[in-house]
C-alpha atoms as a PDB file:
ATOM      1  CA  UNK A   1       0.090  -0.052   0.315  1.00  0.00           C
ATOM      2  CA  UNK A   2       1.636   3.430  -1.046  1.00  0.00           C
ATOM      3  CA  UNK A   3       1.887   5.747   1.840  1.00  0.00           C
ATOM      4  CA  UNK A   4       1.068   9.648   0.897  1.00  0.00           C
ATOM      5  CA  UNK A   5       1.122  12.600   3.427  1.00  0.00           C
ATOM      6  CA  UNK A   6      -2.084  14.656   2.848  1.00  0.00           C
ATOM      7  CA  UNK A   7       0.034  17.814   4.307  1.00  0.00           C
ATOM      8  CA  UNK A   8       2.642  17.489   1.850  1.00  0.00           C
ATOM      9  CA  UNK A   9       0.292  17.369  -0.911  1.00  0.00           C
ATOM     10  CA  UNK A  10      -1.754  20.343   0.295  1.00  0.00           C
ATOM     11  CA  UNK A  11       1.844  22.343   0.563  1.00  0.00           C
ATOM     12  CA  UNK A  12       2.543  21.392  -3.204  1.00  0.00           C
ATOM     13  CA  UNK A  13      -1.135  22.192  -4.364  1.00  0.00           C
ATOM     14  CA  UNK A  14      -0.039  25.722  -2.487  1.00  0.00           C
ATOM     15  CA  UNK A  15       3.629  26.053  -3.651  1.00  0.00           C
ATOM     16  CA  UNK A  16       2.594  25.463  -7.191  1.00  0.00           C
ATOM     17  CA  UNK A  17      -0.235  28.204  -6.744  1.00  0.00           C
ATOM     18  CA  UNK A  18       2.565  30.625  -5.532  1.00  0.00           C
ATOM     19  CA  UNK A  19       4.826  29.756  -8.377  1.00  0.00           C
ATOM     20  CA  UNK A  20       2.032  30.445 -10.911  1.00  0.00           C
ATOM     21  CA  UNK A  21       1.090  33.884  -9.512  1.00  0.00           C
ATOM     22  CA  UNK A  22       4.616  35.043  -9.482  1.00  0.00           C
ATOM     23  CA  UNK A  23       5.204  34.233 -12.661  1.00  0.00           C
ATOM     24  CA  UNK A  24       1.462  36.207 -14.128  1.00  0.00           C
ATOM     25  CA  UNK A  25       2.936  39.260 -12.194  1.00  0.00           C
ATOM     26  CA  UNK A  26       6.443  38.943 -13.453  1.00  0.00           C
ATOM     27  CA  UNK A  27       5.047  38.721 -17.241  1.00  0.00           C
ATOM     28  CA  UNK A  28       2.870  41.513 -16.598  1.00  0.00           C
ATOM     29  CA  UNK A  29       5.697  43.398 -15.683  1.00  0.00           C
ATOM     30  CA  UNK A  30       6.898  42.845 -19.182  1.00  0.00           C
ATOM     31  CA  UNK A  31       9.294  39.748 -17.699  1.00  0.00           C
ATOM     32  CA  UNK A  32      11.462  43.048 -15.978  1.00  0.00           C
ATOM     33  CA  UNK A  33      13.304  41.515 -12.918  1.00  0.00           C
ATOM     34  CA  UNK A  34      13.667  44.909 -11.397  1.00  0.00           C
ATOM     35  CA  UNK A  35       9.796  45.949 -11.728  1.00  0.00           C
ATOM     36  CA  UNK A  36       9.185  42.031 -10.865  1.00  0.00           C
ATOM     37  CA  UNK A  37      11.200  42.609  -7.758  1.00  0.00           C
ATOM     38  CA  UNK A  38      10.079  46.001  -6.637  1.00  0.00           C
ATOM     39  CA  UNK A  39       6.598  45.092  -6.888  1.00  0.00           C
ATOM     40  CA  UNK A  40       6.866  41.761  -4.727  1.00  0.00           C
ATOM     41  CA  UNK A  41       9.280  43.684  -2.145  1.00  0.00           C
ATOM     42  CA  UNK A  42       6.671  46.734  -2.294  1.00  0.00           C
ATOM     43  CA  UNK A  43       3.453  44.352  -1.209  1.00  0.00           C
ATOM     44  CA  UNK A  44       5.325  41.635   0.937  1.00  0.00           C
ATOM     45  CA  UNK A  45       8.174  43.034   2.832  1.00  0.00           C
ATOM     46  CA  UNK A  46       7.001  46.949   2.875  1.00  0.00           C
ATOM     47  CA  UNK A  47       3.300  46.301   3.925  1.00  0.00           C
ATOM     48  CA  UNK A  48       3.722  43.637   6.627  1.00  0.00           C
ATOM     49  CA  UNK A  49      -0.150  44.118   8.182  1.00  0.00           C
ATOM     50  CA  UNK A  50      -1.237  43.643   4.505  1.00  0.00           C
ATOM     51  CA  UNK A  51       0.479  39.831   4.779  1.00  0.00           C
ATOM     52  CA  UNK A  52      -0.975  39.488   7.992  1.00  0.00           C
ATOM     53  CA  UNK A  53      -4.247  40.641   7.158  1.00  0.00           C
ATOM     54  CA  UNK A  54      -4.440  38.056   4.422  1.00  0.00           C
ATOM     55  CA  UNK A  55      -3.285  35.227   6.657  1.00  0.00           C
ATOM     56  CA  UNK A  56      -6.324  35.011   8.687  1.00  0.00           C
ATOM     57  CA  UNK A  57      -7.982  32.976   6.058  1.00  0.00           C
ATOM     58  CA  UNK A  58      -4.687  30.734   5.853  1.00  0.00           C
ATOM     59  CA  UNK A  59      -4.898  30.363   9.530  1.00  0.00           C
ATOM     60  CA  UNK A  60      -8.567  29.146   9.304  1.00  0.00           C
ATOM     61  CA  UNK A  61      -7.872  26.940   6.678  1.00  0.00           C
ATOM     62  CA  UNK A  62      -5.808  25.175   8.788  1.00  0.00           C
ATOM     63  CA  UNK A  63      -8.118  25.124  11.442  1.00  0.00           C
ATOM     64  CA  UNK A  64     -10.880  23.938   9.294  1.00  0.00           C
ATOM     65  CA  UNK A  65      -9.432  20.804   8.489  1.00  0.00           C
ATOM     66  CA  UNK A  66      -8.646  20.022  11.640  1.00  0.00           C
ATOM     67  CA  UNK A  67     -12.143  20.449  12.517  1.00  0.00           C
ATOM     68  CA  UNK A  68     -13.171  18.439   9.615  1.00  0.00           C
ATOM     69  CA  UNK A  69     -11.098  15.246  10.643  1.00  0.00           C
ATOM     70  CA  UNK A  70     -12.206  15.675  14.383  1.00  0.00           C
ATOM     71  CA  UNK A  71     -15.645  15.657  13.235  1.00  0.00           C
ATOM     72  CA  UNK A  72     -15.206  12.944  10.524  1.00  0.00           C
ATOM     73  CA  UNK A  73     -13.600  10.813  13.870  1.00  0.00           C
ATOM     74  CA  UNK A  74     -17.021  11.346  15.701  1.00  0.00           C
ATOM     75  CA  UNK A  75     -19.518  11.281  13.348  1.00  0.00           C
ATOM     76  CA  UNK A  76     -21.085   8.685  10.644  1.00  0.00           C
ATOM     77  CA  UNK A  77     -20.156   9.592   7.182  1.00  0.00           C
ATOM     78  CA  UNK A  78     -23.700  10.503   6.279  1.00  0.00           C
ATOM     79  CA  UNK A  79     -24.069  12.953   9.279  1.00  0.00           C
ATOM     80  CA  UNK A  80     -20.687  14.574   8.618  1.00  0.00           C
ATOM     81  CA  UNK A  81     -21.969  14.986   4.895  1.00  0.00           C
ATOM     82  CA  UNK A  82     -25.198  16.531   5.495  1.00  0.00           C
ATOM     83  CA  UNK A  83     -24.460  19.003   8.383  1.00  0.00           C
ATOM     84  CA  UNK A  84     -20.828  20.130   6.379  1.00  0.00           C
ATOM     85  CA  UNK A  85     -23.440  21.665   3.602  1.00  0.00           C
ATOM     86  CA  UNK A  86     -24.532  24.169   6.274  1.00  0.00           C
ATOM     87  CA  UNK A  87     -21.442  26.311   4.666  1.00  0.00           C
ATOM     88  CA  UNK A  88     -23.269  27.271   1.839  1.00  0.00           C
ATOM     89  CA  UNK A  89     -25.922  28.969   4.571  1.00  0.00           C
ATOM     90  CA  UNK A  90     -23.278  30.396   6.904  1.00  0.00           C
ATOM     91  CA  UNK A  91     -21.448  32.031   3.634  1.00  0.00           C
ATOM     92  CA  UNK A  92     -24.955  33.636   2.597  1.00  0.00           C
ATOM     93  CA  UNK A  93     -25.169  34.790   6.362  1.00  0.00           C
ATOM     94  CA  UNK A  94     -21.784  36.224   6.472  1.00  0.00           C
ATOM     95  CA  UNK A  95     -22.139  37.908   3.004  1.00  0.00           C
ATOM     96  CA  UNK A  96     -25.329  39.652   4.268  1.00  0.00           C
ATOM     97  CA  UNK A  97     -23.685  41.165   7.704  1.00  0.00           C
ATOM     98  CA  UNK A  98     -20.147  41.409   6.568  1.00  0.00           C
ATOM     99  CA  UNK A  99     -20.708  42.616   3.005  1.00  0.00           C
ATOM    100  CA  UNK A 100     -24.163  44.124   3.424  1.00  0.00           C
ATOM    101  CA  UNK A 101     -25.448  42.180   0.170  1.00  0.00           C
ATOM    102  CA  UNK A 102     -29.590  41.646   0.336  1.00  0.00           C
ATOM    103  CA  UNK A 103     -31.058  38.769  -0.455  1.00  0.00           C
ATOM    104  CA  UNK A 104     -34.954  38.156  -1.296  1.00  0.00           C
ATOM    105  CA  UNK A 105     -36.822  35.586   0.448  1.00  0.00           C
ATOM    106  CA  UNK A 106     -36.936  33.982  -3.031  1.00  0.00           C
ATOM    107  CA  UNK A 107     -32.654  33.905  -2.552  1.00  0.00           C
ATOM    108  CA  UNK A 108     -33.015  32.822   0.768  1.00  0.00           C
ATOM    109  CA  UNK A 109     -35.345  29.695  -0.526  1.00  0.00           C
ATOM    110  CA  UNK A 110     -33.121  28.495  -2.926  1.00  0.00           C
ATOM    111  CA  UNK A 111     -29.872  28.569  -0.580  1.00  0.00           C
ATOM    112  CA  UNK A 112     -32.126  26.368   1.947  1.00  0.00           C
ATOM    113  CA  UNK A 113     -33.079  24.076  -1.234  1.00  0.00           C
ATOM    114  CA  UNK A 114     -29.050  24.024  -2.626  1.00  0.00           C
ATOM    115  CA  UNK A 115     -28.299  22.942   1.091  1.00  0.00           C
ATOM    116  CA  UNK A 116     -31.022  20.190   0.974  1.00  0.00           C
ATOM    117  CA  UNK A 117     -30.024  19.124  -2.551  1.00  0.00           C
ATOM    118  CA  UNK A 118     -26.137  18.850  -2.079  1.00  0.00           C
ATOM    119  CA  UNK A 119     -26.723  16.892   1.254  1.00  0.00           C
ATOM    120  CA  UNK A 120     -28.869  14.467  -0.272  1.00  0.00           C
ATOM    121  CA  UNK A 121     -26.953  14.039  -3.393  1.00  0.00           C
ATOM    122  CA  UNK A 122     -23.521  13.903  -0.979  1.00  0.00           C
ATOM    123  CA  UNK A 123     -25.226  10.848   0.771  1.00  0.00           C
ATOM    124  CA  UNK A 124     -27.224   9.232  -1.990  1.00  0.00           C
ATOM    125  CA  UNK A 125     -24.591   6.645  -2.179  1.00  0.00           C
ATOM    126  CA  UNK A 126     -24.238   5.662   1.598  1.00  0.00           C
ATOM    127  CA  UNK A 127     -26.824   2.745   1.483  1.00  0.00           C
ATOM    128  CA  UNK A 128     -24.867   0.635   4.289  1.00  0.00           C
ATOM    129  CA  UNK A 129     -26.591   0.932   7.525  1.00  0.00           C
ATOM    130  CA  UNK A 130     -23.799   0.121   9.691  1.00  0.00           C
ATOM    131  CA  UNK A 131     -21.278   2.740   9.385  1.00  0.00           C
ATOM    132  CA  UNK A 132     -20.945   4.248  12.653  1.00  0.00           C
ATOM    133  CA  UNK A 133     -21.266   0.771  14.602  1.00  0.00           C
ATOM    134  CA  UNK A 134     -18.307  -0.554  11.940  1.00  0.00           C
ATOM    135  CA  UNK A 135     -16.063   2.707  13.405  1.00  0.00           C
ATOM    136  CA  UNK A 136     -16.959   2.043  16.673  1.00  0.00           C
ATOM    137  CA  UNK A 137     -16.011  -1.219  16.516  1.00  0.00           C
ATOM    138  CA  UNK A 138     -12.768  -0.617  14.901  1.00  0.00           C
ATOM    139  CA  UNK A 139     -11.462   0.669  18.448  1.00  0.00           C
ATOM    140  CA  UNK A 140     -12.023   4.175  18.319  1.00  0.00           C
ATOM    141  CA  UNK A 141     -14.716   5.545  20.348  1.00  0.00           C
ATOM    142  CA  UNK A 142     -17.240   8.393  18.671  1.00  0.00           C
ATOM    143  CA  UNK A 143     -18.629  11.307  20.817  1.00  0.00           C
ATOM    144  CA  UNK A 144     -21.365  12.945  18.792  1.00  0.00           C
ATOM    145  CA  UNK A 145     -21.586  16.109  20.375  1.00  0.00           C
ATOM    146  CA  UNK A 146     -17.926  16.850  19.944  1.00  0.00           C
ATOM    147  CA  UNK A 147     -18.360  15.789  15.718  1.00  0.00           C
ATOM    148  CA  UNK A 148     -21.822  18.076  15.828  1.00  0.00           C
ATOM    149  CA  UNK A 149     -19.757  20.970  17.559  1.00  0.00           C
ATOM    150  CA  UNK A 150     -16.964  20.855  15.463  1.00  0.00           C
ATOM    151  CA  UNK A 151     -18.434  20.401  12.230  1.00  0.00           C
ATOM    152  CA  UNK A 152     -20.540  23.487  12.786  1.00  0.00           C
ATOM    153  CA  UNK A 153     -17.411  25.128  13.471  1.00  0.00           C
ATOM    154  CA  UNK A 154     -15.859  24.214  10.330  1.00  0.00           C
ATOM    155  CA  UNK A 155     -19.273  25.095   8.485  1.00  0.00           C
ATOM    156  CA  UNK A 156     -18.883  28.748  10.372  1.00  0.00           C
ATOM    157  CA  UNK A 157     -15.003  29.154   9.448  1.00  0.00           C
ATOM    158  CA  UNK A 158     -15.399  28.158   5.930  1.00  0.00           C
ATOM    159  CA  UNK A 159     -18.141  30.650   5.458  1.00  0.00           C
ATOM    160  CA  UNK A 160     -16.735  33.475   7.590  1.00  0.00           C
ATOM    161  CA  UNK A 161     -12.807  32.809   5.489  1.00  0.00           C
ATOM    162  CA  UNK A 162     -14.349  32.936   2.416  1.00  0.00           C
ATOM    163  CA  UNK A 163     -16.155  35.834   2.347  1.00  0.00           C
ATOM    164  CA  UNK A 164     -13.441  37.745   4.535  1.00  0.00           C
ATOM    165  CA  UNK A 165     -11.257  37.078   1.429  1.00  0.00           C
ATOM    166  CA  UNK A 166     -13.698  38.468  -0.907  1.00  0.00           C
ATOM    167  CA  UNK A 167     -13.847  41.586   1.235  1.00  0.00           C
ATOM    168  CA  UNK A 168     -10.087  41.697   1.210  1.00  0.00           C
ATOM    169  CA  UNK A 169      -9.992  41.299  -2.989  1.00  0.00           C
ATOM    170  CA  UNK A 170     -12.860  43.874  -3.462  1.00  0.00           C
ATOM    171  CA  UNK A 171     -11.898  46.185  -0.865  1.00  0.00           C
ATOM    172  CA  UNK A 172      -8.491  47.360  -2.715  1.00  0.00           C
ATOM    173  CA  UNK A 173      -6.879  48.331  -5.734  1.00  0.00           C
ATOM    174  CA  UNK A 174      -4.050  45.461  -5.002  1.00  0.00           C
ATOM    175  CA  UNK A 175      -4.036  42.811  -8.181  1.00  0.00           C
ATOM    176  CA  UNK A 176      -5.694  39.185  -7.866  1.00  0.00           C
ATOM    177  CA  UNK A 177      -2.277  37.791  -8.183  1.00  0.00           C
ATOM    178  CA  UNK A 178      -0.567  39.857  -5.351  1.00  0.00           C
ATOM    179  CA  UNK A 179      -3.299  39.166  -3.001  1.00  0.00           C
ATOM    180  CA  UNK A 180      -2.485  35.363  -3.745  1.00  0.00           C
ATOM    181  CA  UNK A 181       1.492  35.635  -3.502  1.00  0.00           C
ATOM    182  CA  UNK A 182       0.543  37.624  -0.176  1.00  0.00           C
ATOM    183  CA  UNK A 183      -1.737  34.980   1.105  1.00  0.00           C
ATOM    184  CA  UNK A 184       0.816  32.061  -0.170  1.00  0.00           C
ATOM    185  CA  UNK A 185       3.438  33.057   2.295  1.00  0.00           C
ATOM    186  CA  UNK A 186       1.657  32.500   5.413  1.00  0.00           C
ATOM    187  CA  UNK A 187      -0.317  29.583   3.880  1.00  0.00           C
ATOM    188  CA  UNK A 188       2.737  27.397   3.084  1.00  0.00           C
ATOM    189  CA  UNK A 189       4.727  28.593   6.693  1.00  0.00           C
ATOM    190  CA  UNK A 190       1.573  27.485   8.420  1.00  0.00           C
ATOM    191  CA  UNK A 191       1.406  23.974   6.451  1.00  0.00           C
ATOM    192  CA  UNK A 192       4.710  23.158   6.554  1.00  0.00           C
ATOM    193  CA  UNK A 193       4.694  23.789  10.449  1.00  0.00           C
ATOM    194  CA  UNK A 194       1.576  21.828  10.600  1.00  0.00           C
ATOM    195  CA  UNK A 195       3.488  18.657   8.538  1.00  0.00           C
ATOM    196  CA  UNK A 196       6.798  18.708  11.084  1.00  0.00           C
ATOM    197  CA  UNK A 197       4.850  18.833  14.127  1.00  0.00           C
ATOM    198  CA  UNK A 198       2.025  16.163  12.941  1.00  0.00           C
ATOM    199  CA  UNK A 199       4.010  14.164  11.078  1.00  0.00           C
ATOM    200  CA  UNK A 200       7.926  15.154  11.332  1.00  0.00           C
ATOM    201  CA  UNK A 201       9.296  11.977  12.328  1.00  0.00           C
ATOM    202  CA  UNK A 202       8.201  10.449   9.656  1.00  0.00           C
ATOM    203  CA  UNK A 203       8.974  12.533   6.985  1.00  0.00           C
ATOM    204  CA  UNK A 204      12.822  12.443   8.067  1.00  0.00           C
ATOM    205  CA  UNK A 205      12.494   8.931   8.019  1.00  0.00           C
ATOM    206  CA  UNK A 206      10.523   8.572   4.082  1.00  0.00           C
ATOM    207  CA  UNK A 207      10.787  11.671   2.593  1.00  0.00           C
ATOM    208  CA  UNK A 208       8.877  14.502   1.675  1.00  0.00           C
ATOM    209  CA  UNK A 209       7.496  13.287  -1.587  1.00  0.00           C
ATOM    210  CA  UNK A 210       6.923   9.352  -0.015  1.00  0.00           C
ATOM    211  CA  UNK A 211       4.148   7.900  -2.374  1.00  0.00           C
ATOM    212  CA  UNK A 212       4.360  10.632  -5.007  1.00  0.00           C
ATOM    213  CA  UNK A 213       3.137   9.194  -8.671  1.00  0.00           C
ATOM    214  CA  UNK A 214       2.397  11.024 -11.831  1.00  0.00           C
ATOM    215  CA  UNK A 215      -1.558  10.750 -10.891  1.00  0.00           C
ATOM    216  CA  UNK A 216      -0.530  12.540  -7.625  1.00  0.00           C
ATOM    217  CA  UNK A 217       0.963  15.103  -9.297  1.00  0.00           C
ATOM    218  CA  UNK A 218      -1.724  15.781 -11.540  1.00  0.00           C
ATOM    219  CA  UNK A 219      -4.293  16.187  -8.704  1.00  0.00           C
ATOM    220  CA  UNK A 220      -1.828  18.682  -7.180  1.00  0.00           C
ATOM    221  CA  UNK A 221      -2.053  20.569 -10.603  1.00  0.00           C
ATOM    222  CA  UNK A 222      -5.770  20.705 -11.124  1.00  0.00           C
ATOM    223  CA  UNK A 223      -6.134  21.659  -7.331  1.00  0.00           C
ATOM    224  CA  UNK A 224      -3.816  24.424  -7.915  1.00  0.00           C
ATOM    225  CA  UNK A 225      -5.630  25.750 -11.185  1.00  0.00           C
ATOM    226  CA  UNK A 226      -8.975  25.154  -9.480  1.00  0.00           C
ATOM    227  CA  UNK A 227      -7.912  27.035  -6.424  1.00  0.00           C
ATOM    228  CA  UNK A 228      -6.981  30.148  -8.399  1.00  0.00           C
ATOM    229  CA  UNK A 229     -10.100  29.838 -10.384  1.00  0.00           C
ATOM    230  CA  UNK A 230     -12.184  30.060  -7.155  1.00  0.00           C
ATOM    231  CA  UNK A 231     -10.075  33.163  -6.666  1.00  0.00           C
ATOM    232  CA  UNK A 232     -11.194  34.785  -9.783  1.00  0.00           C
ATOM    233  CA  UNK A 233     -14.692  33.839  -9.026  1.00  0.00           C
ATOM    234  CA  UNK A 234     -14.667  35.574  -5.920  1.00  0.00           C
ATOM    235  CA  UNK A 235     -13.150  38.583  -7.264  1.00  0.00           C
ATOM    236  CA  UNK A 236     -15.604  39.019 -10.324  1.00  0.00           C
ATOM    237  CA  UNK A 237     -18.382  37.533  -8.818  1.00  0.00           C
ATOM    238  CA  UNK A 238     -19.432  36.585  -5.351  1.00  0.00           C
ATOM    239  CA  UNK A 239     -18.797  34.141  -2.673  1.00  0.00           C
ATOM    240  CA  UNK A 240     -22.538  32.811  -2.902  1.00  0.00           C
ATOM    241  CA  UNK A 241     -22.394  31.890  -6.518  1.00  0.00           C
ATOM    242  CA  UNK A 242     -19.005  30.112  -5.819  1.00  0.00           C
ATOM    243  CA  UNK A 243     -20.852  27.578  -3.412  1.00  0.00           C
ATOM    244  CA  UNK A 244     -23.423  26.938  -6.476  1.00  0.00           C
ATOM    245  CA  UNK A 245     -20.741  26.612  -9.187  1.00  0.00           C
ATOM    246  CA  UNK A 246     -19.108  23.790  -6.472  1.00  0.00           C
ATOM    247  CA  UNK A 247     -22.171  22.027  -5.689  1.00  0.00           C
ATOM    248  CA  UNK A 248     -22.985  21.508  -9.572  1.00  0.00           C
ATOM    249  CA  UNK A 249     -19.524  20.552  -9.493  1.00  0.00           C
ATOM    250  CA  UNK A 250     -20.667  17.644  -7.208  1.00  0.00           C
ATOM    251  CA  UNK A 251     -23.708  16.680  -9.665  1.00  0.00           C
ATOM    252  CA  UNK A 252     -21.488  16.839 -12.611  1.00  0.00           C
ATOM    253  CA  UNK A 253     -18.388  14.859 -10.998  1.00  0.00           C
ATOM    254  CA  UNK A 254     -21.210  11.677  -9.746  1.00  0.00           C
ATOM    255  CA  UNK A 255     -22.679  11.787 -13.124  1.00  0.00           C
ATOM    256  CA  UNK A 256     -19.121  11.396 -14.727  1.00  0.00           C
ATOM    257  CA  UNK A 257     -18.553   8.584 -12.428  1.00  0.00           C
ATOM    258  CA  UNK A 258     -21.851   6.776 -13.701  1.00  0.00           C
ATOM    259  CA  UNK A 259     -19.923   6.687 -17.164  1.00  0.00           C
ATOM    260  CA  UNK A 260     -16.833   5.939 -16.105  1.00  0.00           C
ATOM    261  CA  UNK A 261     -16.761   4.059 -12.502  1.00  0.00           C
ATOM    262  CA  UNK A 262     -19.410   1.605 -11.111  1.00  0.00           C
ATOM    263  CA  UNK A 263     -21.837   4.492  -9.564  1.00  0.00           C
ATOM    264  CA  UNK A 264     -25.194   4.017 -10.492  1.00  0.00           C
ATOM    265  CA  UNK A 265     -27.624   6.696  -9.479  1.00  0.00           C
ATOM    266  CA  UNK A 266     -30.487   6.297  -7.303  1.00  0.00           C
ATOM    267  CA  UNK A 267     -33.690   8.095  -6.655  1.00  0.00           C
ATOM    268  CA  UNK A 268     -32.175   9.603  -4.199  1.00  0.00           C
ATOM    269  CA  UNK A 269     -29.531  11.177  -6.415  1.00  0.00           C
ATOM    270  CA  UNK A 270     -31.829  12.450  -8.679  1.00  0.00           C
ATOM    271  CA  UNK A 271     -34.122  14.289  -5.968  1.00  0.00           C
ATOM    272  CA  UNK A 272     -31.002  16.072  -4.906  1.00  0.00           C
ATOM    273  CA  UNK A 273     -29.773  16.929  -8.295  1.00  0.00           C
ATOM    274  CA  UNK A 274     -32.984  18.257  -9.198  1.00  0.00           C
ATOM    275  CA  UNK A 275     -33.418  20.344  -6.233  1.00  0.00           C
ATOM    276  CA  UNK A 276     -29.592  21.251  -6.787  1.00  0.00           C
ATOM    277  CA  UNK A 277     -30.885  22.604 -10.579  1.00  0.00           C
ATOM    278  CA  UNK A 278     -34.236  24.175  -9.039  1.00  0.00           C
ATOM    279  CA  UNK A 279     -32.123  26.202  -6.641  1.00  0.00           C
ATOM    280  CA  UNK A 280     -30.093  27.386  -9.238  1.00  0.00           C
ATOM    281  CA  UNK A 281     -33.061  28.797 -11.576  1.00  0.00           C
ATOM    282  CA  UNK A 282     -34.489  30.090  -8.393  1.00  0.00           C
ATOM    283  CA  UNK A 283     -31.476  31.868  -7.467  1.00  0.00           C
ATOM    284  CA  UNK A 284     -30.854  33.256 -10.558  1.00  0.00           C
ATOM    285  CA  UNK A 285     -34.170  34.692 -11.394  1.00  0.00           C
ATOM    286  CA  UNK A 286     -34.075  38.396 -11.988  1.00  0.00           C
ATOM    287  CA  UNK A 287     -35.965  40.102  -8.706  1.00  0.00           C
ATOM    288  CA  UNK A 288     -38.904  41.920  -9.555  1.00  0.00           C
ATOM    289  CA  UNK A 289     -37.572  45.373  -9.475  1.00  0.00           C
ATOM    290  CA  UNK A 290     -34.971  44.583 -11.901  1.00  0.00           C
ATOM    291  CA  UNK A 291     -37.456  43.016 -14.519  1.00  0.00           C
ATOM    292  CA  UNK A 292     -39.608  46.175 -14.602  1.00  0.00           C
ATOM    293  CA  UNK A 293     -36.062  48.140 -15.093  1.00  0.00           C
ATOM    294  CA  UNK A 294     -35.605  45.521 -17.888  1.00  0.00           C
ATOM    295  CA  UNK A 295     -39.116  46.317 -19.597  1.00  0.00           C
ATOM    296  CA  UNK A 296     -38.626  49.739 -19.287  1.00  0.00           C
ATOM    297  CA  UNK A 297     -35.384  49.673 -21.083  1.00  0.00           C
ATOM    298  CA  UNK A 298     -36.701  47.296 -23.325  1.00  0.00           C
ATOM    299  CA  UNK A 299     -40.362  48.226 -24.302  1.00  0.00           C
ATOM    300  CA  UNK A 300     -40.534  51.672 -26.522  1.00  0.00           C
ATOM    301  CA  UNK A 301     -42.487  53.991 -24.751  1.00  0.00           C
END
């Protein structure tokens, strides 16, 4: 069995995003090393408070991963998947409070539908009834209260960190690529410390890249590119739309699995997918005021 440090994979993803962002900034400055160094130096070393500001999502990301591990250790898979979808609602709540974004009743209803739909899709394959008992018999006691508390905290940190990052991106003139570089520095440092605190001895024995294959490197590249695309979506759209895109991604991945793997969609999956599609249609539906404005601009007087 091949052993891989998930922490090292996370660091590889962070480093690859950091390299790509630096390369973009370098080419944006017409491949001038002097201009590139001036830009990076001025936005990192000369602005330490900006780096500290963007380190908040990095710290929350590490905290969120540990909370998810704690929750998964104390909950069955179905409860874990359902409760974690509350991050959709926490994202909307933080968007409303931190960004003063207004949501109509229809949009709130669509968000609730999306949460329910994604939860049904994620648990549609869990047909085994003895998940929790099996894990308990495996020698590890589960504390349901601790697991529920951890998953709720993870949902809140997910929503807060996403909206906080959106506020930082849209609240200043600093470019998206510079922001990712600023956030990449503390992310790499925190991830490195986490790996060497938790698995330092084993890493020293087996190496940092133990178990890496062409497939693992492909996953690293895909995740790095995906992370940058998410940042672009947050910059030019918002976190709520990002959650809709992620939810559609879950449904699409299940559909692809039906063609290439042994996944067979059941009735629950079809119901959940329908709710995801319905919620997207409801959320994208223009408000009454917007429709009146559109009619006023389109129809001749």
